[in-house]
């Protein structure tokens, strides 16, 4: 995890984020050319968004950390008209902003584990 540069989230990789607070916020959007990328998001096994098409408009998702380890999974539903499926994820935690970019093929997923200190 790097709070200054862009972190690249590839298939079957897990990024770990540590938080002192039990509330964080995630913003997801398409940081490049809008090409119809669709994603599904799950948090601790529950679906938050299914078939969500990323756009320039940011989708803000408040997250409450309920366990010591909380799992957030982003799955690529397709690759849009420009391969690969890319989405910018900004995580707002403990006064920091962590930026990440997915780089996935259709059917692949990446994971962010949030640890409550």
PDB file of N, CA and C in Angstrom:
ATOM      1  N   UNK A   1       0.842  -1.178   0.000  1.00  0.00           N
ATOM      2  CA  UNK A   1       0.000   0.000   0.000  1.00  0.00           C
ATOM      3  C   UNK A   1       0.882   1.234   0.000  1.00  0.00           C
ATOM      4  N   UNK A   2       0.604   2.172  -0.890  1.00  0.00           N
ATOM      5  CA  UNK A   2       1.358   3.411  -0.995  1.00  0.00           C
ATOM      6  C   UNK A   2       0.349   4.553  -1.039  1.00  0.00           C
ATOM      7  N   UNK A   3       0.405   5.441  -0.047  1.00  0.00           N
ATOM      8  CA  UNK A   3      -0.586   6.515   0.022  1.00  0.00           C
ATOM      9  C   UNK A   3      -0.231   7.697  -0.875  1.00  0.00           C
ATOM     10  N   UNK A   4       0.930   7.658  -1.540  1.00  0.00           N
ATOM     11  CA  UNK A   4       1.342   8.770  -2.390  1.00  0.00           C
ATOM     12  C   UNK A   4       1.125   8.444  -3.864  1.00  0.00           C
ATOM     13  N   UNK A   5       1.551   7.279  -4.302  1.00  0.00           N
ATOM     14  CA  UNK A   5       1.450   6.902  -5.702  1.00  0.00           C
ATOM     15  C   UNK A   5       0.241   6.015  -5.935  1.00  0.00           C
ATOM     16  N   UNK A   6       0.033   5.679  -7.214  1.00  0.00           N
ATOM     17  CA  UNK A   6      -1.063   4.797  -7.595  1.00  0.00           C
ATOM     18  C   UNK A   6      -0.630   3.341  -7.405  1.00  0.00           C
ATOM     19  N   UNK A   7      -1.405   2.581  -6.648  1.00  0.00           N
ATOM     20  CA  UNK A   7      -1.167   1.150  -6.468  1.00  0.00           C
ATOM     21  C   UNK A   7      -1.912   0.407  -7.574  1.00  0.00           C
ATOM     22  N   UNK A   8      -1.286  -0.585  -8.193  1.00  0.00           N
ATOM     23  CA  UNK A   8      -1.927  -1.377  -9.234  1.00  0.00           C
ATOM     24  C   UNK A   8      -2.441  -2.667  -8.616  1.00  0.00           C
ATOM     25  N   UNK A   9      -3.736  -2.911  -8.788  1.00  0.00           N
ATOM     26  CA  UNK A   9      -4.370  -4.124  -8.260  1.00  0.00           C
ATOM     27  C   UNK A   9      -4.590  -5.097  -9.410  1.00  0.00           C
ATOM     28  N   UNK A  10      -3.827  -6.192  -9.397  1.00  0.00           N
ATOM     29  CA  UNK A  10      -3.934  -7.202 -10.450  1.00  0.00           C
ATOM     30  C   UNK A  10      -4.731  -8.396  -9.956  1.00  0.00           C
ATOM     31  N   UNK A  11      -5.026  -9.296 -10.874  1.00  0.00           N
ATOM     32  CA  UNK A  11      -5.799 -10.491 -10.564  1.00  0.00           C
ATOM     33  C   UNK A  11      -5.144 -11.310  -9.463  1.00  0.00           C
ATOM     34  N   UNK A  12      -5.981 -11.785  -8.549  1.00  0.00           N
ATOM     35  CA  UNK A  12      -5.581 -12.669  -7.454  1.00  0.00           C
ATOM     36  C   UNK A  12      -4.561 -12.034  -6.511  1.00  0.00           C
ATOM     37  N   UNK A  13      -4.473 -10.716  -6.510  1.00  0.00           N
ATOM     38  CA  UNK A  13      -3.607 -10.027  -5.565  1.00  0.00           C
ATOM     39  C   UNK A  13      -4.464  -9.457  -4.438  1.00  0.00           C
ATOM     40  N   UNK A  14      -3.837  -9.316  -3.272  1.00  0.00           N
ATOM     41  CA  UNK A  14      -4.515  -8.734  -2.126  1.00  0.00           C
ATOM     42  C   UNK A  14      -3.704  -7.571  -1.594  1.00  0.00           C
ATOM     43  N   UNK A  15      -4.363  -6.434  -1.446  1.00  0.00           N
ATOM     44  CA  UNK A  15      -3.742  -5.272  -0.835  1.00  0.00           C
ATOM     45  C   UNK A  15      -4.274  -5.183   0.599  1.00  0.00           C
ATOM     46  N   UNK A  16      -3.390  -4.885   1.536  1.00  0.00           N
ATOM     47  CA  UNK A  16      -3.788  -4.753   2.941  1.00  0.00           C
ATOM     48  C   UNK A  16      -3.798  -3.284   3.339  1.00  0.00           C
ATOM     49  N   UNK A  17      -4.860  -2.877   4.030  1.00  0.00           N
ATOM     50  CA  UNK A  17      -5.004  -1.510   4.531  1.00  0.00           C
ATOM     51  C   UNK A  17      -5.328  -1.606   6.013  1.00  0.00           C
ATOM     52  N   UNK A  18      -4.620  -0.830   6.820  1.00  0.00           N
ATOM     53  CA  UNK A  18      -4.824  -0.838   8.276  1.00  0.00           C
ATOM     54  C   UNK A  18      -5.511   0.445   8.696  1.00  0.00           C
ATOM     55  N   UNK A  19      -6.477   0.326   9.602  1.00  0.00           N
ATOM     56  CA  UNK A  19      -7.259   1.483  10.025  1.00  0.00           C
ATOM     57  C   UNK A  19      -7.419   1.505  11.542  1.00  0.00           C
ATOM     58  N   UNK A  20      -7.297   2.701  12.106  1.00  0.00           N
ATOM     59  CA  UNK A  20      -7.590   2.891  13.533  1.00  0.00           C
ATOM     60  C   UNK A  20      -9.080   3.121  13.733  1.00  0.00           C
ATOM     61  N   UNK A  21      -9.722   3.667  12.704  1.00  0.00           N
ATOM     62  CA  UNK A  21     -11.151   3.978  12.762  1.00  0.00           C
ATOM     63  C   UNK A  21     -11.959   2.818  12.192  1.00  0.00           C
ATOM     64  N   UNK A  22     -13.180   2.630  12.690  1.00  0.00           N
ATOM     65  CA  UNK A  22     -14.015   1.563  12.136  1.00  0.00           C
ATOM     66  C   UNK A  22     -14.846   2.037  10.945  1.00  0.00           C
ATOM     67  N   UNK A  23     -14.678   3.296  10.540  1.00  0.00           N
ATOM     68  CA  UNK A  23     -15.385   3.787   9.363  1.00  0.00           C
ATOM     69  C   UNK A  23     -14.375   4.306   8.344  1.00  0.00           C
ATOM     70  N   UNK A  24     -14.557   3.866   7.111  1.00  0.00           N
ATOM     71  CA  UNK A  24     -13.737   4.338   6.001  1.00  0.00           C
ATOM     72  C   UNK A  24     -14.677   4.641   4.837  1.00  0.00           C
ATOM     73  N   UNK A  25     -14.134   5.257   3.801  1.00  0.00           N
ATOM     74  CA  UNK A  25     -14.932   5.550   2.607  1.00  0.00           C
ATOM     75  C   UNK A  25     -14.136   5.123   1.383  1.00  0.00           C
ATOM     76  N   UNK A  26     -14.830   4.540   0.429  1.00  0.00           N
ATOM     77  CA  UNK A  26     -14.226   4.138  -0.839  1.00  0.00           C
ATOM     78  C   UNK A  26     -14.942   4.895  -1.941  1.00  0.00           C
ATOM     79  N   UNK A  27     -14.167   5.438  -2.883  1.00  0.00           N
ATOM     80  CA  UNK A  27     -14.746   6.062  -4.080  1.00  0.00           C
ATOM     81  C   UNK A  27     -14.216   5.314  -5.296  1.00  0.00           C
ATOM     82  N   UNK A  28     -15.118   4.979  -6.212  1.00  0.00           N
ATOM     83  CA  UNK A  28     -14.755   4.216  -7.407  1.00  0.00           C
ATOM     84  C   UNK A  28     -15.229   4.985  -8.632  1.00  0.00           C
ATOM     85  N   UNK A  29     -14.340   5.065  -9.642  1.00  0.00           N
ATOM     86  CA  UNK A  29     -14.695   5.733 -10.888  1.00  0.00           C
ATOM     87  C   UNK A  29     -13.767   5.258 -11.998  1.00  0.00           C
ATOM     88  N   UNK A  30     -14.092   5.609 -13.237  1.00  0.00           N
ATOM     89  CA  UNK A  30     -13.236   5.289 -14.375  1.00  0.00           C
ATOM     90  C   UNK A  30     -12.290   6.454 -14.578  1.00  0.00           C
ATOM     91  N   UNK A  31     -11.018   6.214 -14.400  1.00  0.00           N
ATOM     92  CA  UNK A  31     -10.017   7.281 -14.494  1.00  0.00           C
ATOM     93  C   UNK A  31      -9.495   7.517 -15.898  1.00  0.00           C
ATOM     94  N   UNK A  32      -9.969   6.757 -16.864  1.00  0.00           N
ATOM     95  CA  UNK A  32      -9.504   6.900 -18.250  1.00  0.00           C
ATOM     96  C   UNK A  32     -10.666   7.127 -19.177  1.00  0.00           C
ATOM     97  N   UNK A  33     -10.567   6.532 -20.365  1.00  0.00           N
ATOM     98  CA  UNK A  33     -11.637   6.639 -21.352  1.00  0.00           C
ATOM     99  C   UNK A  33     -12.817   5.764 -20.915  1.00  0.00           C
ATOM    100  N   UNK A  34     -14.002   6.324 -20.960  1.00  0.00           N
ATOM    101  CA  UNK A  34     -15.211   5.592 -20.575  1.00  0.00           C
ATOM    102  C   UNK A  34     -15.497   4.566 -21.676  1.00  0.00           C
ATOM    103  N   UNK A  35     -15.416   3.272 -21.307  1.00  0.00           N
ATOM    104  CA  UNK A  35     -15.550   2.231 -22.335  1.00  0.00           C
ATOM    105  C   UNK A  35     -16.507   1.110 -21.940  1.00  0.00           C
ATOM    106  N   UNK A  36     -17.292   1.327 -20.895  1.00  0.00           N
ATOM    107  CA  UNK A  36     -18.311   0.338 -20.533  1.00  0.00           C
ATOM    108  C   UNK A  36     -17.840  -0.739 -19.578  1.00  0.00           C
ATOM    109  N   UNK A  37     -16.731  -0.524 -18.865  1.00  0.00           N
ATOM    110  CA  UNK A  37     -16.281  -1.490 -17.870  1.00  0.00           C
ATOM    111  C   UNK A  37     -17.346  -1.663 -16.788  1.00  0.00           C
ATOM    112  N   UNK A  38     -17.638  -2.929 -16.458  1.00  0.00           N
ATOM    113  CA  UNK A  38     -18.606  -3.224 -15.401  1.00  0.00           C
ATOM    114  C   UNK A  38     -17.930  -4.073 -14.333  1.00  0.00           C
ATOM    115  N   UNK A  39     -18.280  -3.772 -13.067  1.00  0.00           N
ATOM    116  CA  UNK A  39     -17.668  -4.462 -11.933  1.00  0.00           C
ATOM    117  C   UNK A  39     -18.731  -4.896 -10.929  1.00  0.00           C
ATOM    118  N   UNK A  40     -18.361  -5.881 -10.125  1.00  0.00           N
ATOM    119  CA  UNK A  40     -19.175  -6.297  -8.993  1.00  0.00           C
ATOM    120  C   UNK A  40     -18.325  -6.162  -7.745  1.00  0.00           C
ATOM    121  N   UNK A  41     -18.893  -5.587  -6.691  1.00  0.00           N
ATOM    122  CA  UNK A  41     -18.181  -5.382  -5.436  1.00  0.00           C
ATOM    123  C   UNK A  41     -18.852  -6.179  -4.330  1.00  0.00           C
ATOM    124  N   UNK A  42     -18.031  -6.891  -3.539  1.00  0.00           N
ATOM    125  CA  UNK A  42     -18.545  -7.575  -2.364  1.00  0.00           C
ATOM    126  C   UNK A  42     -17.726  -7.154  -1.151  1.00  0.00           C
ATOM    127  N   UNK A  43     -18.392  -7.138  -0.013  1.00  0.00           N
ATOM    128  CA  UNK A  43     -17.742  -6.781   1.244  1.00  0.00           C
ATOM    129  C   UNK A  43     -18.131  -7.813   2.288  1.00  0.00           C
ATOM    130  N   UNK A  44     -17.133  -8.497   2.810  1.00  0.00           N
ATOM    131  CA  UNK A  44     -17.362  -9.585   3.779  1.00  0.00           C
ATOM    132  C   UNK A  44     -18.426 -10.568   3.280  1.00  0.00           C
ATOM    133  N   UNK A  45     -18.347 -10.895   1.976  1.00  0.00           N
ATOM    134  CA  UNK A  45     -19.240 -11.888   1.382  1.00  0.00           C
ATOM    135  C   UNK A  45     -20.598 -11.379   0.933  1.00  0.00           C
ATOM    136  N   UNK A  46     -20.905 -10.104   1.191  1.00  0.00           N
ATOM    137  CA  UNK A  46     -22.194  -9.536   0.789  1.00  0.00           C
ATOM    138  C   UNK A  46     -21.992  -8.614  -0.415  1.00  0.00           C
ATOM    139  N   UNK A  47     -22.862  -8.746  -1.417  1.00  0.00           N
ATOM    140  CA  UNK A  47     -22.755  -7.932  -2.627  1.00  0.00           C
ATOM    141  C   UNK A  47     -23.192  -6.501  -2.351  1.00  0.00           C
ATOM    142  N   UNK A  48     -22.296  -5.550  -2.655  1.00  0.00           N
ATOM    143  CA  UNK A  48     -22.623  -4.123  -2.530  1.00  0.00           C
ATOM    144  C   UNK A  48     -23.124  -3.566  -3.853  1.00  0.00           C
ATOM    145  N   UNK A  49     -22.459  -3.937  -4.946  1.00  0.00           N
ATOM    146  CA  UNK A  49     -22.836  -3.503  -6.294  1.00  0.00           C
ATOM    147  C   UNK A  49     -22.668  -4.685  -7.241  1.00  0.00           C
ATOM    148  N   UNK A  50     -23.598  -4.850  -8.164  1.00  0.00           N
ATOM    149  CA  UNK A  50     -23.484  -5.916  -9.162  1.00  0.00           C
ATOM    150  C   UNK A  50     -23.669  -5.295 -10.548  1.00  0.00           C
ATOM    151  N   UNK A  51     -22.725  -5.555 -11.454  1.00  0.00           N
ATOM    152  CA  UNK A  51     -22.830  -5.039 -12.808  1.00  0.00           C
ATOM    153  C   UNK A  51     -22.740  -3.523 -12.879  1.00  0.00           C
ATOM    154  N   UNK A  52     -22.011  -2.924 -11.943  1.00  0.00           N
ATOM    155  CA  UNK A  52     -21.895  -1.462 -11.888  1.00  0.00           C
ATOM    156  C   UNK A  52     -20.948  -0.979 -12.989  1.00  0.00           C
ATOM    157  N   UNK A  53     -21.432  -0.065 -13.825  1.00  0.00           N
ATOM    158  CA  UNK A  53     -20.610   0.494 -14.908  1.00  0.00           C
ATOM    159  C   UNK A  53     -19.887   1.741 -14.409  1.00  0.00           C
ATOM    160  N   UNK A  54     -18.562   1.677 -14.438  1.00  0.00           N
ATOM    161  CA  UNK A  54     -17.774   2.814 -13.965  1.00  0.00           C
ATOM    162  C   UNK A  54     -17.884   3.969 -14.952  1.00  0.00           C
ATOM    163  N   UNK A  55     -17.833   5.187 -14.413  1.00  0.00           N
ATOM    164  CA  UNK A  55     -17.913   6.398 -15.230  1.00  0.00           C
ATOM    165  C   UNK A  55     -17.037   7.465 -14.587  1.00  0.00           C
ATOM    166  N   UNK A  56     -17.061   8.655 -15.129  1.00  0.00           N
ATOM    167  CA  UNK A  56     -16.300   9.766 -14.539  1.00  0.00           C
ATOM    168  C   UNK A  56     -16.879  10.177 -13.183  1.00  0.00           C
ATOM    169  N   UNK A  57     -18.184   9.930 -13.019  1.00  0.00           N
ATOM    170  CA  UNK A  57     -18.839  10.267 -11.752  1.00  0.00           C
ATOM    171  C   UNK A  57     -18.413   9.269 -10.688  1.00  0.00           C
ATOM    172  N   UNK A  58     -17.947   9.779  -9.566  1.00  0.00           N
ATOM    173  CA  UNK A  58     -17.465   8.925  -8.482  1.00  0.00           C
ATOM    174  C   UNK A  58     -18.630   8.293  -7.728  1.00  0.00           C
ATOM    175  N   UNK A  59     -18.478   7.004  -7.455  1.00  0.00           N
ATOM    176  CA  UNK A  59     -19.445   6.276  -6.621  1.00  0.00           C
ATOM    177  C   UNK A  59     -18.825   6.185  -5.234  1.00  0.00           C
ATOM    178  N   UNK A  60     -19.447   6.815  -4.255  1.00  0.00           N
ATOM    179  CA  UNK A  60     -18.935   6.831  -2.887  1.00  0.00           C
ATOM    180  C   UNK A  60     -19.620   5.734  -2.073  1.00  0.00           C
ATOM    181  N   UNK A  61     -18.793   4.915  -1.394  1.00  0.00           N
ATOM    182  CA  UNK A  61     -19.311   3.798  -0.619  1.00  0.00           C
ATOM    183  C   UNK A  61     -18.753   3.879   0.797  1.00  0.00           C
ATOM    184  N   UNK A  62     -19.603   4.162   1.790  1.00  0.00           N
ATOM    185  CA  UNK A  62     -19.126   4.140   3.176  1.00  0.00           C
ATOM    186  C   UNK A  62     -19.005   2.688   3.646  1.00  0.00           C
ATOM    187  N   UNK A  63     -17.942   2.399   4.367  1.00  0.00           N
ATOM    188  CA  UNK A  63     -17.689   1.043   4.856  1.00  0.00           C
ATOM    189  C   UNK A  63     -17.495   1.094   6.367  1.00  0.00           C
ATOM    190  N   UNK A  64     -18.165   0.206   7.072  1.00  0.00           N
ATOM    191  CA  UNK A  64     -17.956   0.054   8.508  1.00  0.00           C
ATOM    192  C   UNK A  64     -17.187  -1.247   8.725  1.00  0.00           C
ATOM    193  N   UNK A  65     -16.034  -1.111   9.368  1.00  0.00           N
ATOM    194  CA  UNK A  65     -15.218  -2.282   9.664  1.00  0.00           C
ATOM    195  C   UNK A  65     -15.795  -2.964  10.902  1.00  0.00           C
ATOM    196  N   UNK A  66     -16.292  -4.194  10.719  1.00  0.00           N
ATOM    197  CA  UNK A  66     -16.971  -4.884  11.815  1.00  0.00           C
ATOM    198  C   UNK A  66     -16.124  -5.994  12.423  1.00  0.00           C
ATOM    199  N   UNK A  67     -15.125  -6.448  11.680  1.00  0.00           N
ATOM    200  CA  UNK A  67     -14.242  -7.516  12.146  1.00  0.00           C
ATOM    201  C   UNK A  67     -12.812  -6.986  12.222  1.00  0.00           C
ATOM    202  N   UNK A  68     -11.926  -7.759  12.815  1.00  0.00           N
ATOM    203  CA  UNK A  68     -10.516  -7.371  12.798  1.00  0.00           C
ATOM    204  C   UNK A  68      -9.978  -7.412  11.375  1.00  0.00           C
ATOM    205  N   UNK A  69     -10.456  -8.365  10.558  1.00  0.00           N
ATOM    206  CA  UNK A  69     -10.109  -8.459   9.139  1.00  0.00           C
ATOM    207  C   UNK A  69     -11.396  -8.403   8.341  1.00  0.00           C
ATOM    208  N   UNK A  70     -11.469  -7.453   7.399  1.00  0.00           N
ATOM    209  CA  UNK A  70     -12.648  -7.251   6.560  1.00  0.00           C
ATOM    210  C   UNK A  70     -12.203  -7.342   5.107  1.00  0.00           C
ATOM    211  N   UNK A  71     -12.952  -8.081   4.301  1.00  0.00           N
ATOM    212  CA  UNK A  71     -12.541  -8.366   2.934  1.00  0.00           C
ATOM    213  C   UNK A  71     -13.441  -7.669   1.921  1.00  0.00           C
ATOM    214  N   UNK A  72     -12.809  -6.899   1.030  1.00  0.00           N
ATOM    215  CA  UNK A  72     -13.477  -6.170  -0.047  1.00  0.00           C
ATOM    216  C   UNK A  72     -12.963  -6.763  -1.360  1.00  0.00           C
ATOM    217  N   UNK A  73     -13.867  -7.299  -2.189  1.00  0.00           N
ATOM    218  CA  UNK A  73     -13.468  -7.924  -3.446  1.00  0.00           C
ATOM    219  C   UNK A  73     -14.105  -7.172  -4.611  1.00  0.00           C
ATOM    220  N   UNK A  74     -13.275  -6.851  -5.606  1.00  0.00           N
ATOM    221  CA  UNK A  74     -13.740  -6.226  -6.835  1.00  0.00           C
ATOM    222  C   UNK A  74     -13.552  -7.233  -7.953  1.00  0.00           C
ATOM    223  N   UNK A  75     -14.634  -7.561  -8.662  1.00  0.00           N
ATOM    224  CA  UNK A  75     -14.598  -8.516  -9.771  1.00  0.00           C
ATOM    225  C   UNK A  75     -14.924  -7.794 -11.071  1.00  0.00           C
ATOM    226  N   UNK A  76     -14.185  -8.141 -12.122  1.00  0.00           N
ATOM    227  CA  UNK A  76     -14.432  -7.574 -13.453  1.00  0.00           C
ATOM    228  C   UNK A  76     -15.518  -8.396 -14.140  1.00  0.00           C
ATOM    229  N   UNK A  77     -16.655  -7.762 -14.437  1.00  0.00           N
ATOM    230  CA  UNK A  77     -17.738  -8.452 -15.130  1.00  0.00           C
ATOM    231  C   UNK A  77     -17.482  -8.536 -16.636  1.00  0.00           C
ATOM    232  N   UNK A  78     -16.739  -7.566 -17.155  1.00  0.00           N
ATOM    233  CA  UNK A  78     -16.409  -7.521 -18.586  1.00  0.00           C
ATOM    234  C   UNK A  78     -15.123  -6.709 -18.754  1.00  0.00           C
ATOM    235  N   UNK A  79     -14.760  -6.441 -20.008  1.00  0.00           N
ATOM    236  CA  UNK A  79     -13.599  -5.580 -20.264  1.00  0.00           C
ATOM    237  C   UNK A  79     -13.974  -4.336 -21.045  1.00  0.00           C
ATOM    238  N   UNK A  80     -15.243  -4.093 -21.274  1.00  0.00           N
ATOM    239  CA  UNK A  80     -15.643  -2.908 -22.025  1.00  0.00           C
ATOM    240  C   UNK A  80     -15.096  -2.958 -23.442  1.00  0.00           C
ATOM    241  N   UNK A  81     -15.053  -1.810 -24.105  1.00  0.00           N
ATOM    242  CA  UNK A  81     -14.581  -1.778 -25.491  1.00  0.00           C
ATOM    243  C   UNK A  81     -13.068  -1.658 -25.592  1.00  0.00           C
ATOM    244  N   UNK A  82     -12.410  -1.323 -24.485  1.00  0.00           N
ATOM    245  CA  UNK A  82     -10.950  -1.234 -24.452  1.00  0.00           C
ATOM    246  C   UNK A  82     -10.455  -2.178 -23.365  1.00  0.00           C
ATOM    247  N   UNK A  83      -9.682  -3.174 -23.760  1.00  0.00           N
ATOM    248  CA  UNK A  83      -9.162  -4.137 -22.782  1.00  0.00           C
ATOM    249  C   UNK A  83      -8.071  -3.454 -21.965  1.00  0.00           C
ATOM    250  N   UNK A  84      -7.982  -3.619 -20.760  1.00  0.00           N
ATOM    251  CA  UNK A  84      -8.596  -4.457 -19.754  1.00  0.00           C
ATOM    252  C   UNK A  84      -9.619  -3.647 -18.942  1.00  0.00           C
ATOM    253  N   UNK A  85     -10.233  -4.307 -17.956  1.00  0.00           N
ATOM    254  CA  UNK A  85     -11.160  -3.619 -17.068  1.00  0.00           C
ATOM    255  C   UNK A  85     -10.344  -2.811 -16.065  1.00  0.00           C
ATOM    256  N   UNK A  86     -10.552  -1.499 -16.093  1.00  0.00           N
ATOM    257  CA  UNK A  86      -9.821  -0.626 -15.174  1.00  0.00           C
ATOM    258  C   UNK A  86     -10.807   0.241 -14.401  1.00  0.00           C
ATOM    259  N   UNK A  87     -10.527   0.389 -13.116  1.00  0.00           N
ATOM    260  CA  UNK A  87     -11.311   1.273 -12.259  1.00  0.00           C
ATOM    261  C   UNK A  87     -10.357   1.882 -11.247  1.00  0.00           C
ATOM    262  N   UNK A  88     -10.538   3.167 -10.973  1.00  0.00           N
ATOM    263  CA  UNK A  88      -9.760   3.816  -9.924  1.00  0.00           C
ATOM    264  C   UNK A  88     -10.523   3.651  -8.613  1.00  0.00           C
ATOM    265  N   UNK A  89      -9.794   3.237  -7.588  1.00  0.00           N
ATOM    266  CA  UNK A  89     -10.361   3.093  -6.248  1.00  0.00           C
ATOM    267  C   UNK A  89      -9.593   4.030  -5.335  1.00  0.00           C
ATOM    268  N   UNK A  90     -10.294   4.944  -4.685  1.00  0.00           N
ATOM    269  CA  UNK A  90      -9.670   5.818  -3.694  1.00  0.00           C
ATOM    270  C   UNK A  90     -10.230   5.429  -2.329  1.00  0.00           C
ATOM    271  N   UNK A  91      -9.317   5.153  -1.405  1.00  0.00           N
ATOM    272  CA  UNK A  91      -9.688   4.728  -0.057  1.00  0.00           C
ATOM    273  C   UNK A  91      -9.337   5.861   0.897  1.00  0.00           C
ATOM    274  N   UNK A  92     -10.325   6.327   1.634  1.00  0.00           N
ATOM    275  CA  UNK A  92     -10.128   7.394   2.607  1.00  0.00           C
ATOM    276  C   UNK A  92     -10.148   6.762   3.992  1.00  0.00           C
ATOM    277  N   UNK A  93      -8.961   6.728   4.633  1.00  0.00           N
ATOM    278  CA  UNK A  93      -8.815   6.042   5.909  1.00  0.00           C
ATOM    279  C   UNK A  93      -7.855   6.823   6.801  1.00  0.00           C
ATOM    280  N   UNK A  94      -8.261   7.092   8.024  1.00  0.00           N
ATOM    281  CA  UNK A  94      -7.426   7.765   9.021  1.00  0.00           C
ATOM    282  C   UNK A  94      -6.767   9.041   8.487  1.00  0.00           C
ATOM    283  N   UNK A  95      -7.518   9.824   7.730  1.00  0.00           N
ATOM    284  CA  UNK A  95      -7.002  11.091   7.204  1.00  0.00           C
ATOM    285  C   UNK A  95      -6.119  10.950   5.985  1.00  0.00           C
ATOM    286  N   UNK A  96      -5.951   9.749   5.458  1.00  0.00           N
ATOM    287  CA  UNK A  96      -5.139   9.511   4.269  1.00  0.00           C
ATOM    288  C   UNK A  96      -6.021   9.158   3.085  1.00  0.00           C
ATOM    289  N   UNK A  97      -5.485   9.383   1.886  1.00  0.00           N
ATOM    290  CA  UNK A  97      -6.151   8.922   0.667  1.00  0.00           C
ATOM    291  C   UNK A  97      -5.201   7.956  -0.029  1.00  0.00           C
ATOM    292  N   UNK A  98      -5.640   6.719  -0.202  1.00  0.00           N
ATOM    293  CA  UNK A  98      -4.858   5.693  -0.890  1.00  0.00           C
ATOM    294  C   UNK A  98      -5.503   5.469  -2.250  1.00  0.00           C
ATOM    295  N   UNK A  99      -4.701   5.586  -3.318  1.00  0.00           N
ATOM    296  CA  UNK A  99      -5.221   5.422  -4.675  1.00  0.00           C
ATOM    297  C   UNK A  99      -4.767   4.083  -5.243  1.00  0.00           C
ATOM    298  N   UNK A 100      -5.689   3.401  -5.921  1.00  0.00           N
ATOM    299  CA  UNK A 100      -5.378   2.128  -6.557  1.00  0.00           C
ATOM    300  C   UNK A 100      -6.104   2.056  -7.899  1.00  0.00           C
ATOM    301  N   UNK A 101      -5.534   1.272  -8.803  1.00  0.00           N
ATOM    302  CA  UNK A 101      -6.102   1.090 -10.135  1.00  0.00           C
ATOM    303  C   UNK A 101      -6.194  -0.400 -10.408  1.00  0.00           C
ATOM    304  N   UNK A 102      -7.386  -0.874 -10.786  1.00  0.00           N
ATOM    305  CA  UNK A 102      -7.523  -2.280 -11.158  1.00  0.00           C
ATOM    306  C   UNK A 102      -7.049  -2.457 -12.591  1.00  0.00           C
ATOM    307  N   UNK A 103      -6.564  -3.641 -12.889  1.00  0.00           N
ATOM    308  CA  UNK A 103      -6.128  -4.007 -14.234  1.00  0.00           C
ATOM    309  C   UNK A 103      -6.498  -5.481 -14.412  1.00  0.00           C
ATOM    310  N   UNK A 104      -7.773  -5.724 -14.779  1.00  0.00           N
ATOM    311  CA  UNK A 104      -8.325  -7.075 -14.769  1.00  0.00           C
ATOM    312  C   UNK A 104      -8.937  -7.469 -16.105  1.00  0.00           C
ATOM    313  N   UNK A 105      -8.898  -8.763 -16.400  1.00  0.00           N
ATOM    314  CA  UNK A 105      -9.625  -9.337 -17.522  1.00  0.00           C
ATOM    315  C   UNK A 105     -11.001  -9.761 -17.010  1.00  0.00           C
ATOM    316  N   UNK A 106     -11.935  -9.994 -17.923  1.00  0.00           N
ATOM    317  CA  UNK A 106     -13.283 -10.428 -17.534  1.00  0.00           C
ATOM    318  C   UNK A 106     -13.200 -11.687 -16.686  1.00  0.00           C
ATOM    319  N   UNK A 107     -13.922 -11.705 -15.562  1.00  0.00           N
ATOM    320  CA  UNK A 107     -13.962 -12.849 -14.671  1.00  0.00           C
ATOM    321  C   UNK A 107     -12.882 -12.850 -13.600  1.00  0.00           C
ATOM    322  N   UNK A 108     -11.912 -11.952 -13.702  1.00  0.00           N
ATOM    323  CA  UNK A 108     -10.857 -11.884 -12.690  1.00  0.00           C
ATOM    324  C   UNK A 108     -11.282 -10.985 -11.545  1.00  0.00           C
ATOM    325  N   UNK A 109     -10.625 -11.162 -10.394  1.00  0.00           N
ATOM    326  CA  UNK A 109     -10.928 -10.299  -9.264  1.00  0.00           C
ATOM    327  C   UNK A 109      -9.661  -9.945  -8.506  1.00  0.00           C
ATOM    328  N   UNK A 110      -9.783  -8.906  -7.705  1.00  0.00           N
ATOM    329  CA  UNK A 110      -8.711  -8.465  -6.824  1.00  0.00           C
ATOM    330  C   UNK A 110      -9.330  -8.173  -5.471  1.00  0.00           C
ATOM    331  N   UNK A 111      -8.496  -8.113  -4.442  1.00  0.00           N
ATOM    332  CA  UNK A 111      -9.027  -8.037  -3.085  1.00  0.00           C
ATOM    333  C   UNK A 111      -8.279  -6.993  -2.261  1.00  0.00           C
ATOM    334  N   UNK A 112      -9.033  -6.323  -1.403  1.00  0.00           N
ATOM    335  CA  UNK A 112      -8.441  -5.415  -0.414  1.00  0.00           C
ATOM    336  C   UNK A 112      -8.911  -5.897   0.952  1.00  0.00           C
ATOM    337  N   UNK A 113      -7.946  -6.183   1.815  1.00  0.00           N
ATOM    338  CA  UNK A 113      -8.271  -6.571   3.183  1.00  0.00           C
ATOM    339  C   UNK A 113      -8.063  -5.357   4.089  1.00  0.00           C
ATOM    340  N   UNK A 114      -9.106  -5.015   4.838  1.00  0.00           N
ATOM    341  CA  UNK A 114      -9.051  -3.914   5.784  1.00  0.00           C
ATOM    342  C   UNK A 114      -8.906  -4.497   7.177  1.00  0.00           C
ATOM    343  N   UNK A 115      -7.840  -4.105   7.868  1.00  0.00           N
ATOM    344  CA  UNK A 115      -7.570  -4.586   9.215  1.00  0.00           C
ATOM    345  C   UNK A 115      -7.847  -3.472  10.215  1.00  0.00           C
ATOM    346  N   UNK A 116      -8.670  -3.763  11.194  1.00  0.00           N
ATOM    347  CA  UNK A 116      -8.996  -2.795  12.241  1.00  0.00           C
ATOM    348  C   UNK A 116      -7.987  -2.966  13.360  1.00  0.00           C
ATOM    349  N   UNK A 117      -7.242  -1.896  13.626  1.00  0.00           N
ATOM    350  CA  UNK A 117      -6.202  -1.944  14.668  1.00  0.00           C
ATOM    351  C   UNK A 117      -6.831  -1.875  16.044  1.00  0.00           C
TER     352      UNK A 117
END
